Amino acid sequence: MKHTYQTQGTCSQAIEFEIEDGIVRNVQFHGGCNGNTQGVAALVEGMKAEDVIAKLEGIRCGFKATSCPDQLAQAIRQALQS
């Protein structure tokens, strides 16, 4: 199932991704630091959703309270709860 999450507090504006049988697929960030977001998307491809949350949740970007990886973790958590 495809999900779209509107990010908050980051340079990226949205994240699109799929979760199939608990596995994260096809992550795409809209906006943000292109190289970094592509790297995060490539690294989490094929990972269990719960593992992505465990690894990325709480990561901060500079003095911000969140980051693009943290927002991905929040997005996945929300998708799993819905």
C-alpha atoms as a PDB file:
ATOM      1  CA  MET A   1       0.000   0.000   0.000  1.00  0.00           C
ATOM      2  CA  LYS A   2       1.310   3.448  -0.951  1.00  0.00           C
ATOM      3  CA  HIS A   3       1.550   6.114   1.756  1.00  0.00           C
ATOM      4  CA  THR A   4       2.227   9.847   1.595  1.00  0.00           C
ATOM      5  CA  TYR A   5       3.394  11.715   4.685  1.00  0.00           C
ATOM      6  CA  GLN A   6       3.630  15.508   4.955  1.00  0.00           C
ATOM      7  CA  THR A   7       6.831  16.203   6.866  1.00  0.00           C
ATOM      8  CA  GLN A   8       7.188  18.797   9.612  1.00  0.00           C
ATOM      9  CA  GLY A   9      10.310  20.678  10.674  1.00  0.00           C
ATOM     10  CA  THR A  10      12.547  19.515   7.818  1.00  0.00           C
ATOM     11  CA  CYS A  11      13.679  20.757   4.418  1.00  0.00           C
ATOM     12  CA  SER A  12      11.779  17.939   2.702  1.00  0.00           C
ATOM     13  CA  GLN A  13       8.070  18.557   2.234  1.00  0.00           C
ATOM     14  CA  ALA A  14       6.757  15.011   1.882  1.00  0.00           C
ATOM     15  CA  ILE A  15       7.734  11.350   1.837  1.00  0.00           C
ATOM     16  CA  GLU A  16       6.095   8.676  -0.301  1.00  0.00           C
ATOM     17  CA  PHE A  17       6.669   5.002   0.447  1.00  0.00           C
ATOM     18  CA  GLU A  18       5.067   1.568   0.398  1.00  0.00           C
ATOM     19  CA  ILE A  19       4.835  -1.119   3.052  1.00  0.00           C
ATOM     20  CA  GLU A  20       4.281  -4.624   1.713  1.00  0.00           C
ATOM     21  CA  ASP A  21       4.005  -7.448   4.260  1.00  0.00           C
ATOM     22  CA  GLY A  22       5.822  -5.308   6.826  1.00  0.00           C
ATOM     23  CA  ILE A  23       8.670  -4.444   4.421  1.00  0.00           C
ATOM     24  CA  VAL A  24       9.497  -0.861   3.370  1.00  0.00           C
ATOM     25  CA  ARG A  25       9.674  -0.255  -0.377  1.00  0.00           C
ATOM     26  CA  ASN A  26       9.993   2.612  -2.871  1.00  0.00           C
ATOM     27  CA  VAL A  27      10.829   5.478  -0.489  1.00  0.00           C
ATOM     28  CA  GLN A  28      10.883   8.879  -2.180  1.00  0.00           C
ATOM     29  CA  PHE A  29      11.542  12.175  -0.418  1.00  0.00           C
ATOM     30  CA  HIS A  30      10.220  15.376  -1.975  1.00  0.00           C
ATOM     31  CA  GLY A  31      12.663  18.168  -1.260  1.00  0.00           C
ATOM     32  CA  GLY A  32      15.467  18.076   1.273  1.00  0.00           C
ATOM     33  CA  CYS A  33      19.138  17.296   0.709  1.00  0.00           C
ATOM     34  CA  ASN A  34      18.941  15.189  -2.421  1.00  0.00           C
ATOM     35  CA  GLY A  35      22.007  13.025  -1.852  1.00  0.00           C
ATOM     36  CA  ASN A  36      21.199  12.346   1.784  1.00  0.00           C
ATOM     37  CA  THR A  37      17.557  11.508   1.188  1.00  0.00           C
ATOM     38  CA  GLN A  38      18.461   9.217  -1.716  1.00  0.00           C
ATOM     39  CA  GLY A  39      20.965   7.490   0.557  1.00  0.00           C
ATOM     40  CA  VAL A  40      18.413   6.996   3.339  1.00  0.00           C
ATOM     41  CA  ALA A  41      15.866   5.692   0.831  1.00  0.00           C
ATOM     42  CA  ALA A  42      18.372   3.202  -0.603  1.00  0.00           C
ATOM     43  CA  LEU A  43      19.476   1.999   2.836  1.00  0.00           C
ATOM     44  CA  VAL A  44      15.959   1.277   4.112  1.00  0.00           C
ATOM     45  CA  GLU A  45      14.766  -0.437   0.915  1.00  0.00           C
ATOM     46  CA  GLY A  46      13.717  -3.978   1.815  1.00  0.00           C
ATOM     47  CA  MET A  47      14.037  -3.492   5.587  1.00  0.00           C
ATOM     48  CA  LYS A  48      11.346  -4.450   8.087  1.00  0.00           C
ATOM     49  CA  ALA A  49       9.270  -1.398   8.984  1.00  0.00           C
ATOM     50  CA  GLU A  50       9.924  -1.874  12.713  1.00  0.00           C
ATOM     51  CA  ASP A  51      13.690  -2.007  12.099  1.00  0.00           C
ATOM     52  CA  VAL A  52      13.588   1.264  10.161  1.00  0.00           C
ATOM     53  CA  ILE A  53      11.749   2.926  13.038  1.00  0.00           C
ATOM     54  CA  ALA A  54      14.239   1.565  15.585  1.00  0.00           C
ATOM     55  CA  LYS A  55      17.246   2.801  13.597  1.00  0.00           C
ATOM     56  CA  LEU A  56      16.007   6.236  12.494  1.00  0.00           C
ATOM     57  CA  GLU A  57      13.663   7.512  15.185  1.00  0.00           C
ATOM     58  CA  GLY A  58      15.111  10.372  17.208  1.00  0.00           C
ATOM     59  CA  ILE A  59      17.841  11.418  14.751  1.00  0.00           C
ATOM     60  CA  ARG A  60      18.159  15.194  14.727  1.00  0.00           C
ATOM     61  CA  CYS A  61      19.411  17.583  12.046  1.00  0.00           C
ATOM     62  CA  GLY A  62      21.594  20.235  13.629  1.00  0.00           C
ATOM     63  CA  PHE A  63      19.568  22.151  16.197  1.00  0.00           C
ATOM     64  CA  LYS A  64      16.234  20.972  14.787  1.00  0.00           C
ATOM     65  CA  ALA A  65      14.120  18.624  16.887  1.00  0.00           C
ATOM     66  CA  THR A  66      13.769  16.232  13.929  1.00  0.00           C
ATOM     67  CA  SER A  67      15.385  15.227  10.621  1.00  0.00           C
ATOM     68  CA  CYS A  68      14.406  13.611   7.346  1.00  0.00           C
ATOM     69  CA  PRO A  69      15.310  10.141   8.697  1.00  0.00           C
ATOM     70  CA  ASP A  70      13.288  10.813  11.870  1.00  0.00           C
ATOM     71  CA  GLN A  71      10.356  11.978   9.776  1.00  0.00           C
ATOM     72  CA  LEU A  72      10.534   8.731   7.782  1.00  0.00           C
ATOM     73  CA  ALA A  73      10.388   6.793  11.043  1.00  0.00           C
ATOM     74  CA  GLN A  74       7.352   8.838  12.113  1.00  0.00           C
ATOM     75  CA  ALA A  75       5.711   8.270   8.736  1.00  0.00           C
ATOM     76  CA  ILE A  76       6.197   4.520   8.933  1.00  0.00           C
ATOM     77  CA  ARG A  77       4.926   4.415  12.525  1.00  0.00           C
ATOM     78  CA  GLN A  78       1.793   6.304  11.460  1.00  0.00           C
ATOM     79  CA  ALA A  79       1.251   3.991   8.492  1.00  0.00           C
ATOM     80  CA  LEU A  80       1.545   0.899  10.669  1.00  0.00           C
ATOM     81  CA  GLN A  81      -0.993   2.304  13.139  1.00  0.00           C
ATOM     82  CA  SER A  82      -3.573   3.076  10.463  1.00  0.00           C
END
